[in-house]
Amino acid sequence: MEFREKLLKFKFHIVFAFVFSLLTVALVTYSPGFLTVLSYFWPLFLSTALFLAAVFFFVRTSDLPTSSTVSGDGSGFKVAAEGILDYVVGGQHEDSLFDSFTKLD
């Protein structure tokens, strides 16, 4: 009876180990092979590698700002970021967009 009590004490561990073993065997048995996955995703892998190579090339060949152009408090980067945001927004205001939708009636 002592053995049965110990076995019941670990019944959740045994069930978890059994289910985990079955899932592992099913995954290994029914999953596609490495070459199948590689042959399906090779355009994505190639384009990502080319993009990273282009980024690496441009980082290596572009001129980085010198310490004289960038202040220590980072205000130069803040001004550059505000300029980019102003360019992206392009001077469109919410009022003009709202007016264009209300004139559709």
PDB file of N, CA and C in Angstrom:
ATOM      1  N   MET A   1       0.810  -1.196   0.000  1.00  0.00           N
ATOM      2  CA  MET A   1       0.000   0.000   0.000  1.00  0.00           C
ATOM      3  C   MET A   1       0.852   1.259   0.000  1.00  0.00           C
ATOM      4  N   GLU A   2       2.011   1.159   0.542  1.00  0.00           N
ATOM      5  CA  GLU A   2       2.906   2.314   0.594  1.00  0.00           C
ATOM      6  C   GLU A   2       3.337   2.749  -0.805  1.00  0.00           C
ATOM      7  N   PHE A   3       3.561   1.770  -1.674  1.00  0.00           N
ATOM      8  CA  PHE A   3       3.974   2.096  -3.040  1.00  0.00           C
ATOM      9  C   PHE A   3       2.855   2.818  -3.789  1.00  0.00           C
ATOM     10  N   ARG A   4       1.625   2.362  -3.605  1.00  0.00           N
ATOM     11  CA  ARG A   4       0.484   2.967  -4.274  1.00  0.00           C
ATOM     12  C   ARG A   4       0.271   4.410  -3.807  1.00  0.00           C
ATOM     13  N   GLU A   5       0.487   4.685  -2.547  1.00  0.00           N
ATOM     14  CA  GLU A   5       0.344   6.049  -2.034  1.00  0.00           C
ATOM     15  C   GLU A   5       1.408   6.972  -2.629  1.00  0.00           C
ATOM     16  N   LYS A   6       2.611   6.458  -2.753  1.00  0.00           N
ATOM     17  CA  LYS A   6       3.678   7.262  -3.369  1.00  0.00           C
ATOM     18  C   LYS A   6       3.373   7.499  -4.851  1.00  0.00           C
ATOM     19  N   LEU A   7       2.824   6.476  -5.500  1.00  0.00           N
ATOM     20  CA  LEU A   7       2.489   6.622  -6.911  1.00  0.00           C
ATOM     21  C   LEU A   7       1.374   7.655  -7.102  1.00  0.00           C
ATOM     22  N   LEU A   8       0.384   7.653  -6.254  1.00  0.00           N
ATOM     23  CA  LEU A   8      -0.689   8.634  -6.341  1.00  0.00           C
ATOM     24  C   LEU A   8      -0.203  10.039  -6.001  1.00  0.00           C
ATOM     25  N   LYS A   9       0.822  10.108  -5.177  1.00  0.00           N
ATOM     26  CA  LYS A   9       1.376  11.409  -4.820  1.00  0.00           C
ATOM     27  C   LYS A   9       1.986  12.103  -6.051  1.00  0.00           C
ATOM     28  N   PHE A  10       2.536  11.327  -6.981  1.00  0.00           N
ATOM     29  CA  PHE A  10       3.191  11.870  -8.160  1.00  0.00           C
ATOM     30  C   PHE A  10       2.389  11.628  -9.441  1.00  0.00           C
ATOM     31  N   LYS A  11       1.058  11.485  -9.320  1.00  0.00           N
ATOM     32  CA  LYS A  11       0.268  11.155 -10.508  1.00  0.00           C
ATOM     33  C   LYS A  11       0.280  12.293 -11.536  1.00  0.00           C
ATOM     34  N   PHE A  12       0.267  13.565 -11.102  1.00  0.00           N
ATOM     35  CA  PHE A  12       0.305  14.661 -12.064  1.00  0.00           C
ATOM     36  C   PHE A  12       1.652  14.728 -12.779  1.00  0.00           C
ATOM     37  N   HIS A  13       2.722  14.424 -12.087  1.00  0.00           N
ATOM     38  CA  HIS A  13       4.039  14.411 -12.710  1.00  0.00           C
ATOM     39  C   HIS A  13       4.136  13.306 -13.756  1.00  0.00           C
ATOM     40  N   ILE A  14       3.572  12.167 -13.449  1.00  0.00           N
ATOM     41  CA  ILE A  14       3.616  11.030 -14.374  1.00  0.00           C
ATOM     42  C   ILE A  14       2.771  11.327 -15.616  1.00  0.00           C
ATOM     43  N   VAL A  15       1.584  11.891 -15.413  1.00  0.00           N
ATOM     44  CA  VAL A  15       0.717  12.219 -16.550  1.00  0.00           C
ATOM     45  C   VAL A  15       1.380  13.290 -17.411  1.00  0.00           C
ATOM     46  N   PHE A  16       1.977  14.313 -16.792  1.00  0.00           N
ATOM     47  CA  PHE A  16       2.664  15.355 -17.546  1.00  0.00           C
ATOM     48  C   PHE A  16       3.823  14.778 -18.351  1.00  0.00           C
ATOM     49  N   ALA A  17       4.615  13.883 -17.748  1.00  0.00           N
ATOM     50  CA  ALA A  17       5.743  13.277 -18.457  1.00  0.00           C
ATOM     51  C   ALA A  17       5.255  12.419 -19.627  1.00  0.00           C
ATOM     52  N   PHE A  18       4.153  11.723 -19.438  1.00  0.00           N
ATOM     53  CA  PHE A  18       3.619  10.882 -20.503  1.00  0.00           C
ATOM     54  C   PHE A  18       3.107  11.737 -21.666  1.00  0.00           C
ATOM     55  N   VAL A  19       2.357  12.791 -21.365  1.00  0.00           N
ATOM     56  CA  VAL A  19       1.834  13.670 -22.416  1.00  0.00           C
ATOM     57  C   VAL A  19       2.978  14.390 -23.132  1.00  0.00           C
ATOM     58  N   PHE A  20       3.972  14.844 -22.377  1.00  0.00           N
ATOM     59  CA  PHE A  20       5.128  15.497 -22.978  1.00  0.00           C
ATOM     60  C   PHE A  20       5.881  14.542 -23.901  1.00  0.00           C
ATOM     61  N   SER A  21       6.014  13.289 -23.504  1.00  0.00           N
ATOM     62  CA  SER A  21       6.688  12.293 -24.343  1.00  0.00           C
ATOM     63  C   SER A  21       5.906  12.034 -25.624  1.00  0.00           C
ATOM     64  N   LEU A  22       4.586  11.931 -25.501  1.00  0.00           N
ATOM     65  CA  LEU A  22       3.771  11.717 -26.700  1.00  0.00           C
ATOM     66  C   LEU A  22       3.850  12.911 -27.652  1.00  0.00           C
ATOM     67  N   LEU A  23       3.808  14.108 -27.114  1.00  0.00           N
ATOM     68  CA  LEU A  23       3.918  15.289 -27.966  1.00  0.00           C
ATOM     69  C   LEU A  23       5.283  15.377 -28.641  1.00  0.00           C
ATOM     70  N   THR A  24       6.331  15.022 -27.931  1.00  0.00           N
ATOM     71  CA  THR A  24       7.671  15.055 -28.518  1.00  0.00           C
ATOM     72  C   THR A  24       7.792  14.043 -29.647  1.00  0.00           C
ATOM     73  N   VAL A  25       7.295  12.853 -29.440  1.00  0.00           N
ATOM     74  CA  VAL A  25       7.348  11.821 -30.483  1.00  0.00           C
ATOM     75  C   VAL A  25       6.514  12.248 -31.688  1.00  0.00           C
ATOM     76  N   ALA A  26       5.325  12.810 -31.454  1.00  0.00           N
ATOM     77  CA  ALA A  26       4.479  13.254 -32.564  1.00  0.00           C
ATOM     78  C   ALA A  26       5.136  14.400 -33.320  1.00  0.00           C
ATOM     79  N   LEU A  27       5.767  15.321 -32.598  1.00  0.00           N
ATOM     80  CA  LEU A  27       6.425  16.446 -33.256  1.00  0.00           C
ATOM     81  C   LEU A  27       7.585  15.982 -34.126  1.00  0.00           C
ATOM     82  N   VAL A  28       8.377  15.076 -33.621  1.00  0.00           N
ATOM     83  CA  VAL A  28       9.518  14.572 -34.388  1.00  0.00           C
ATOM     84  C   VAL A  28       9.042  13.746 -35.578  1.00  0.00           C
ATOM     85  N   THR A  29       7.995  12.990 -35.397  1.00  0.00           N
ATOM     86  CA  THR A  29       7.510  12.111 -36.460  1.00  0.00           C
ATOM     87  C   THR A  29       6.832  12.886 -37.585  1.00  0.00           C
ATOM     88  N   TYR A  30       5.996  13.849 -37.229  1.00  0.00           N
ATOM     89  CA  TYR A  30       5.168  14.505 -38.237  1.00  0.00           C
ATOM     90  C   TYR A  30       5.660  15.877 -38.687  1.00  0.00           C
ATOM     91  N   SER A  31       6.717  16.386 -38.125  1.00  0.00           N
ATOM     92  CA  SER A  31       7.204  17.705 -38.530  1.00  0.00           C
ATOM     93  C   SER A  31       7.980  17.597 -39.847  1.00  0.00           C
ATOM     94  N   PRO A  32       7.987  18.693 -40.622  1.00  0.00           N
ATOM     95  CA  PRO A  32       8.732  18.655 -41.885  1.00  0.00           C
ATOM     96  C   PRO A  32      10.235  18.692 -41.621  1.00  0.00           C
ATOM     97  N   GLY A  33      10.988  18.241 -42.581  1.00  0.00           N
ATOM     98  CA  GLY A  33      12.436  18.226 -42.443  1.00  0.00           C
ATOM     99  C   GLY A  33      13.037  19.613 -42.575  1.00  0.00           C
ATOM    100  N   PHE A  34      14.282  19.740 -42.188  1.00  0.00           N
ATOM    101  CA  PHE A  34      14.976  21.022 -42.230  1.00  0.00           C
ATOM    102  C   PHE A  34      15.087  21.534 -43.664  1.00  0.00           C
ATOM    103  N   LEU A  35      15.387  20.661 -44.601  1.00  0.00           N
ATOM    104  CA  LEU A  35      15.521  21.089 -45.996  1.00  0.00           C
ATOM    105  C   LEU A  35      14.185  21.522 -46.591  1.00  0.00           C
ATOM    106  N   THR A  36      13.096  20.943 -46.134  1.00  0.00           N
ATOM    107  CA  THR A  36      11.783  21.361 -46.607  1.00  0.00           C
ATOM    108  C   THR A  36      11.482  22.788 -46.154  1.00  0.00           C
ATOM    109  N   VAL A  37      11.772  23.087 -44.896  1.00  0.00           N
ATOM    110  CA  VAL A  37      11.556  24.429 -44.370  1.00  0.00           C
ATOM    111  C   VAL A  37      12.488  25.419 -45.067  1.00  0.00           C
ATOM    112  N   LEU A  38      13.737  25.022 -45.262  1.00  0.00           N
ATOM    113  CA  LEU A  38      14.697  25.890 -45.936  1.00  0.00           C
ATOM    114  C   LEU A  38      14.284  26.164 -47.375  1.00  0.00           C
ATOM    115  N   SER A  39      13.791  25.165 -48.074  1.00  0.00           N
ATOM    116  CA  SER A  39      13.381  25.373 -49.465  1.00  0.00           C
ATOM    117  C   SER A  39      12.131  26.251 -49.558  1.00  0.00           C
ATOM    118  N   TYR A  40      11.305  26.272 -48.519  1.00  0.00           N
ATOM    119  CA  TYR A  40      10.115  27.112 -48.535  1.00  0.00           C
ATOM    120  C   TYR A  40      10.449  28.572 -48.214  1.00  0.00           C
ATOM    121  N   PHE A  41      11.346  28.785 -47.254  1.00  0.00           N
ATOM    122  CA  PHE A  41      11.638  30.133 -46.777  1.00  0.00           C
ATOM    123  C   PHE A  41      12.916  30.738 -47.359  1.00  0.00           C
ATOM    124  N   TRP A  42      13.545  30.135 -48.370  1.00  0.00           N
ATOM    125  CA  TRP A  42      14.825  30.664 -48.843  1.00  0.00           C
ATOM    126  C   TRP A  42      14.714  32.086 -49.395  1.00  0.00           C
ATOM    127  N   PRO A  43      13.611  32.491 -50.042  1.00  0.00           N
ATOM    128  CA  PRO A  43      13.559  33.909 -50.475  1.00  0.00           C
ATOM    129  C   PRO A  43      13.565  34.880 -49.295  1.00  0.00           C
ATOM    130  N   LEU A  44      12.877  34.532 -48.222  1.00  0.00           N
ATOM    131  CA  LEU A  44      12.863  35.395 -47.046  1.00  0.00           C
ATOM    132  C   LEU A  44      14.247  35.473 -46.413  1.00  0.00           C
ATOM    133  N   PHE A  45      14.916  34.328 -46.297  1.00  0.00           N
ATOM    134  CA  PHE A  45      16.258  34.326 -45.722  1.00  0.00           C
ATOM    135  C   PHE A  45      17.228  35.129 -46.586  1.00  0.00           C
ATOM    136  N   LEU A  46      17.132  34.983 -47.906  1.00  0.00           N
ATOM    137  CA  LEU A  46      18.027  35.694 -48.816  1.00  0.00           C
ATOM    138  C   LEU A  46      17.785  37.199 -48.764  1.00  0.00           C
ATOM    139  N   SER A  47      16.526  37.626 -48.793  1.00  0.00           N
ATOM    140  CA  SER A  47      16.247  39.058 -48.763  1.00  0.00           C
ATOM    141  C   SER A  47      16.662  39.681 -47.434  1.00  0.00           C
ATOM    142  N   THR A  48      16.486  38.960 -46.341  1.00  0.00           N
ATOM    143  CA  THR A  48      16.920  39.472 -45.042  1.00  0.00           C
ATOM    144  C   THR A  48      18.434  39.600 -44.992  1.00  0.00           C
ATOM    145  N   ALA A  49      19.128  38.611 -45.526  1.00  0.00           N
ATOM    146  CA  ALA A  49      20.592  38.668 -45.533  1.00  0.00           C
ATOM    147  C   ALA A  49      21.089  39.826 -46.405  1.00  0.00           C
ATOM    148  N   LEU A  50      20.474  40.041 -47.557  1.00  0.00           N
ATOM    149  CA  LEU A  50      20.871  41.154 -48.419  1.00  0.00           C
ATOM    150  C   LEU A  50      20.582  42.502 -47.764  1.00  0.00           C
ATOM    151  N   PHE A  51      19.449  42.621 -47.083  1.00  0.00           N
ATOM    152  CA  PHE A  51      19.128  43.857 -46.385  1.00  0.00           C
ATOM    153  C   PHE A  51      20.139  44.133 -45.277  1.00  0.00           C
ATOM    154  N   LEU A  52      20.474  43.128 -44.491  1.00  0.00           N
ATOM    155  CA  LEU A  52      21.458  43.316 -43.428  1.00  0.00           C
ATOM    156  C   LEU A  52      22.832  43.649 -43.996  1.00  0.00           C
ATOM    157  N   ALA A  53      23.187  43.060 -45.138  1.00  0.00           N
ATOM    158  CA  ALA A  53      24.459  43.390 -45.768  1.00  0.00           C
ATOM    159  C   ALA A  53      24.462  44.839 -46.246  1.00  0.00           C
ATOM    160  N   ALA A  54      23.334  45.312 -46.789  1.00  0.00           N
ATOM    161  CA  ALA A  54      23.248  46.706 -47.225  1.00  0.00           C
ATOM    162  C   ALA A  54      23.340  47.661 -46.041  1.00  0.00           C
ATOM    163  N   VAL A  55      22.680  47.323 -44.947  1.00  0.00           N
ATOM    164  CA  VAL A  55      22.768  48.160 -43.747  1.00  0.00           C
ATOM    165  C   VAL A  55      24.196  48.205 -43.243  1.00  0.00           C
ATOM    166  N   PHE A  56      24.846  47.066 -43.198  1.00  0.00           N
ATOM    167  CA  PHE A  56      26.235  47.007 -42.737  1.00  0.00           C
ATOM    168  C   PHE A  56      27.139  47.834 -43.654  1.00  0.00           C
ATOM    169  N   PHE A  57      26.908  47.740 -44.968  1.00  0.00           N
ATOM    170  CA  PHE A  57      27.711  48.495 -45.929  1.00  0.00           C
ATOM    171  C   PHE A  57      27.538  49.993 -45.734  1.00  0.00           C
ATOM    172  N   PHE A  58      26.290  50.451 -45.605  1.00  0.00           N
ATOM    173  CA  PHE A  58      26.042  51.885 -45.451  1.00  0.00           C
ATOM    174  C   PHE A  58      26.541  52.414 -44.112  1.00  0.00           C
ATOM    175  N   VAL A  59      26.485  51.597 -43.087  1.00  0.00           N
ATOM    176  CA  VAL A  59      27.012  52.033 -41.791  1.00  0.00           C
ATOM    177  C   VAL A  59      28.526  52.172 -41.863  1.00  0.00           C
ATOM    178  N   ARG A  60      29.165  51.260 -42.551  1.00  0.00           N
ATOM    179  CA  ARG A  60      30.623  51.315 -42.639  1.00  0.00           C
ATOM    180  C   ARG A  60      31.118  52.437 -43.543  1.00  0.00           C
ATOM    181  N   THR A  61      30.335  52.798 -44.569  1.00  0.00           N
ATOM    182  CA  THR A  61      30.826  53.781 -45.532  1.00  0.00           C
ATOM    183  C   THR A  61      30.318  55.194 -45.276  1.00  0.00           C
ATOM    184  N   SER A  62      29.289  55.366 -44.457  1.00  0.00           N
ATOM    185  CA  SER A  62      28.762  56.710 -44.221  1.00  0.00           C
ATOM    186  C   SER A  62      29.592  57.419 -43.168  1.00  0.00           C
ATOM    187  N   ASP A  63      29.568  58.739 -43.244  1.00  0.00           N
ATOM    188  CA  ASP A  63      30.292  59.541 -42.271  1.00  0.00           C
ATOM    189  C   ASP A  63      29.451  59.689 -41.018  1.00  0.00           C
ATOM    190  N   LEU A  64      30.000  59.313 -39.908  1.00  0.00           N
ATOM    191  CA  LEU A  64      29.310  59.483 -38.643  1.00  0.00           C
ATOM    192  C   LEU A  64      29.566  60.888 -38.129  1.00  0.00           C
ATOM    193  N   PRO A  65      28.646  61.440 -37.373  1.00  0.00           N
ATOM    194  CA  PRO A  65      28.865  62.787 -36.848  1.00  0.00           C
ATOM    195  C   PRO A  65      30.036  62.808 -35.872  1.00  0.00           C
ATOM    196  N   THR A  66      30.816  63.862 -35.962  1.00  0.00           N
ATOM    197  CA  THR A  66      31.958  63.983 -35.062  1.00  0.00           C
ATOM    198  C   THR A  66      31.490  64.528 -33.726  1.00  0.00           C
ATOM    199  N   SER A  67      32.371  64.501 -32.769  1.00  0.00           N
ATOM    200  CA  SER A  67      31.996  64.963 -31.437  1.00  0.00           C
ATOM    201  C   SER A  67      31.754  66.463 -31.404  1.00  0.00           C
ATOM    202  N   SER A  68      32.286  67.210 -32.380  1.00  0.00           N
ATOM    203  CA  SER A  68      32.069  68.656 -32.398  1.00  0.00           C
ATOM    204  C   SER A  68      30.675  69.012 -32.903  1.00  0.00           C
ATOM    205  N   THR A  69      30.045  68.135 -33.704  1.00  0.00           N
ATOM    206  CA  THR A  69      28.720  68.443 -34.222  1.00  0.00           C
ATOM    207  C   THR A  69      27.607  67.944 -33.320  1.00  0.00           C
ATOM    208  N   VAL A  70      27.902  66.984 -32.453  1.00  0.00           N
ATOM    209  CA  VAL A  70      26.901  66.435 -31.546  1.00  0.00           C
ATOM    210  C   VAL A  70      27.249  66.875 -30.141  1.00  0.00           C
ATOM    211  N   SER A  71      26.318  67.587 -29.516  1.00  0.00           N
ATOM    212  CA  SER A  71      26.592  68.052 -28.164  1.00  0.00           C
ATOM    213  C   SER A  71      26.454  66.912 -27.169  1.00  0.00           C
ATOM    214  N   GLY A  72      26.998  67.121 -26.016  1.00  0.00           N
ATOM    215  CA  GLY A  72      26.990  66.072 -25.005  1.00  0.00           C
ATOM    216  C   GLY A  72      25.625  65.788 -24.432  1.00  0.00           C
ATOM    217  N   ASP A  73      24.706  66.752 -24.479  1.00  0.00           N
ATOM    218  CA  ASP A  73      23.383  66.528 -23.900  1.00  0.00           C
ATOM    219  C   ASP A  73      22.401  65.899 -24.890  1.00  0.00           C
ATOM    220  N   GLY A  74      22.820  65.667 -26.101  1.00  0.00           N
ATOM    221  CA  GLY A  74      21.969  65.001 -27.090  1.00  0.00           C
ATOM    222  C   GLY A  74      20.990  65.918 -27.781  1.00  0.00           C
ATOM    223  N   SER A  75      21.161  67.231 -27.666  1.00  0.00           N
ATOM    224  CA  SER A  75      20.213  68.155 -28.286  1.00  0.00           C
ATOM    225  C   SER A  75      20.291  68.101 -29.812  1.00  0.00           C
ATOM    226  N   GLY A  76      21.459  67.767 -30.357  1.00  0.00           N
ATOM    227  CA  GLY A  76      21.579  67.650 -31.810  1.00  0.00           C
ATOM    228  C   GLY A  76      20.711  66.544 -32.359  1.00  0.00           C
ATOM    229  N   PHE A  77      20.633  65.424 -31.636  1.00  0.00           N
ATOM    230  CA  PHE A  77      19.779  64.328 -32.073  1.00  0.00           C
ATOM    231  C   PHE A  77      18.308  64.705 -31.924  1.00  0.00           C
ATOM    232  N   LYS A  78      17.990  65.494 -30.888  1.00  0.00           N
ATOM    233  CA  LYS A  78      16.611  65.919 -30.680  1.00  0.00           C
ATOM    234  C   LYS A  78      16.155  66.837 -31.809  1.00  0.00           C
ATOM    235  N   VAL A  79      17.022  67.741 -32.232  1.00  0.00           N
ATOM    236  CA  VAL A  79      16.691  68.643 -33.334  1.00  0.00           C
ATOM    237  C   VAL A  79      16.518  67.857 -34.631  1.00  0.00           C
ATOM    238  N   ALA A  80      17.377  66.873 -34.852  1.00  0.00           N
ATOM    239  CA  ALA A  80      17.258  66.056 -36.060  1.00  0.00           C
ATOM    240  C   ALA A  80      15.967  65.252 -36.048  1.00  0.00           C
ATOM    241  N   ALA A  81      15.600  64.721 -34.899  1.00  0.00           N
ATOM    242  CA  ALA A  81      14.358  63.944 -34.806  1.00  0.00           C
ATOM    243  C   ALA A  81      13.143  64.831 -35.032  1.00  0.00           C
ATOM    244  N   GLU A  82      13.173  66.050 -34.497  1.00  0.00           N
ATOM    245  CA  GLU A  82      12.051  66.969 -34.728  1.00  0.00           C
ATOM    246  C   GLU A  82      11.951  67.348 -36.203  1.00  0.00           C
ATOM    247  N   GLY A  83      13.075  67.512 -36.869  1.00  0.00           N
ATOM    248  CA  GLY A  83      13.054  67.813 -38.297  1.00  0.00           C
ATOM    249  C   GLY A  83      12.467  66.678 -39.103  1.00  0.00           C
ATOM    250  N   ILE A  84      12.796  65.454 -38.745  1.00  0.00           N
ATOM    251  CA  ILE A  84      12.241  64.296 -39.451  1.00  0.00           C
ATOM    252  C   ILE A  84      10.740  64.214 -39.214  1.00  0.00           C
ATOM    253  N   LEU A  85      10.311  64.447 -37.977  1.00  0.00           N
ATOM    254  CA  LEU A  85       8.879  64.411 -37.691  1.00  0.00           C
ATOM    255  C   LEU A  85       8.131  65.505 -38.442  1.00  0.00           C
ATOM    256  N   ASP A  86       8.714  66.698 -38.534  1.00  0.00           N
ATOM    257  CA  ASP A  86       8.073  67.770 -39.294  1.00  0.00           C
ATOM    258  C   ASP A  86       7.966  67.404 -40.770  1.00  0.00           C
ATOM    259  N   TYR A  87       8.971  66.741 -41.307  1.00  0.00           N
ATOM    260  CA  TYR A  87       8.938  66.320 -42.710  1.00  0.00           C
ATOM    261  C   TYR A  87       7.859  65.262 -42.932  1.00  0.00           C
ATOM    262  N   VAL A  88       7.757  64.309 -41.994  1.00  0.00           N
ATOM    263  CA  VAL A  88       6.770  63.239 -42.143  1.00  0.00           C
ATOM    264  C   VAL A  88       5.360  63.798 -42.036  1.00  0.00           C
ATOM    265  N   VAL A  89       5.133  64.701 -41.093  1.00  0.00           N
ATOM    266  CA  VAL A  89       3.800  65.280 -40.931  1.00  0.00           C
ATOM    267  C   VAL A  89       3.434  66.106 -42.154  1.00  0.00           C
ATOM    268  N   GLY A  90       4.359  66.836 -42.684  1.00  0.00           N
ATOM    269  CA  GLY A  90       4.140  67.578 -43.910  1.00  0.00           C
ATOM    270  C   GLY A  90       3.202  68.755 -43.777  1.00  0.00           C
ATOM    271  N   GLY A  91       3.025  69.293 -42.582  1.00  0.00           N
ATOM    272  CA  GLY A  91       2.212  70.476 -42.393  1.00  0.00           C
ATOM    273  C   GLY A  91       0.723  70.223 -42.403  1.00  0.00           C
ATOM    274  N   GLN A  92       0.282  68.966 -42.424  1.00  0.00           N
ATOM    275  CA  GLN A  92      -1.145  68.672 -42.385  1.00  0.00           C
ATOM    276  C   GLN A  92      -1.626  68.800 -40.942  1.00  0.00           C
ATOM    277  N   HIS A  93      -2.720  69.482 -40.772  1.00  0.00           N
ATOM    278  CA  HIS A  93      -3.283  69.657 -39.446  1.00  0.00           C
ATOM    279  C   HIS A  93      -4.590  68.895 -39.354  1.00  0.00           C
ATOM    280  N   GLU A  94      -4.986  68.594 -38.139  1.00  0.00           N
ATOM    281  CA  GLU A  94      -6.220  67.841 -37.931  1.00  0.00           C
ATOM    282  C   GLU A  94      -7.435  68.611 -38.431  1.00  0.00           C
ATOM    283  N   ASP A  95      -7.424  69.934 -38.316  1.00  0.00           N
ATOM    284  CA  ASP A  95      -8.573  70.726 -38.743  1.00  0.00           C
ATOM    285  C   ASP A  95      -8.793  70.604 -40.247  1.00  0.00           C
ATOM    286  N   SER A  96      -7.716  70.665 -41.014  1.00  0.00           N
ATOM    287  CA  SER A  96      -7.876  70.571 -42.466  1.00  0.00           C
ATOM    288  C   SER A  96      -8.336  69.182 -42.877  1.00  0.00           C
ATOM    289  N   LEU A  97      -7.888  68.150 -42.188  1.00  0.00           N
ATOM    290  CA  LEU A  97      -8.365  66.804 -42.495  1.00  0.00           C
ATOM    291  C   LEU A  97      -9.825  66.652 -42.122  1.00  0.00           C
ATOM    292  N   PHE A  98     -10.224  67.218 -40.978  1.00  0.00           N
ATOM    293  CA  PHE A  98     -11.612  67.145 -40.561  1.00  0.00           C
ATOM    294  C   PHE A  98     -12.517  67.884 -41.542  1.00  0.00           C
ATOM    295  N   ASP A  99     -12.054  69.042 -42.020  1.00  0.00           N
ATOM    296  CA  ASP A  99     -12.834  69.816 -42.978  1.00  0.00           C
ATOM    297  C   ASP A  99     -13.019  69.063 -44.293  1.00  0.00           C
ATOM    298  N   SER A 100     -11.992  68.360 -44.717  1.00  0.00           N
ATOM    299  CA  SER A 100     -12.102  67.635 -45.983  1.00  0.00           C
ATOM    300  C   SER A 100     -13.113  66.496 -45.870  1.00  0.00           C
ATOM    301  N   PHE A 101     -13.264  65.904 -44.683  1.00  0.00           N
ATOM    302  CA  PHE A 101     -14.254  64.831 -44.525  1.00  0.00           C
ATOM    303  C   PHE A 101     -15.666  65.400 -44.368  1.00  0.00           C
ATOM    304  N   THR A 102     -15.782  66.557 -43.780  1.00  0.00           N
ATOM    305  CA  THR A 102     -17.126  67.127 -43.600  1.00  0.00           C
ATOM    306  C   THR A 102     -17.679  67.725 -44.892  1.00  0.00           C
ATOM    307  N   LYS A 103     -16.830  68.061 -45.833  1.00  0.00           N
ATOM    308  CA  LYS A 103     -17.283  68.629 -47.105  1.00  0.00           C
ATOM    309  C   LYS A 103     -17.796  67.564 -48.076  1.00  0.00           C
ATOM    310  N   LEU A 104     -17.732  66.294 -47.682  1.00  0.00           N
ATOM    311  CA  LEU A 104     -18.194  65.230 -48.566  1.00  0.00           C
ATOM    312  C   LEU A 104     -19.716  65.172 -48.647  1.00  0.00           C
ATOM    313  N   ASP A 105     -20.411  65.792 -47.695  1.00  0.00           N
ATOM    314  CA  ASP A 105     -21.882  65.750 -47.685  1.00  0.00           C
ATOM    315  C   ASP A 105     -22.515  66.527 -48.774  1.00  0.00           C
TER     316      ASP A 105
END
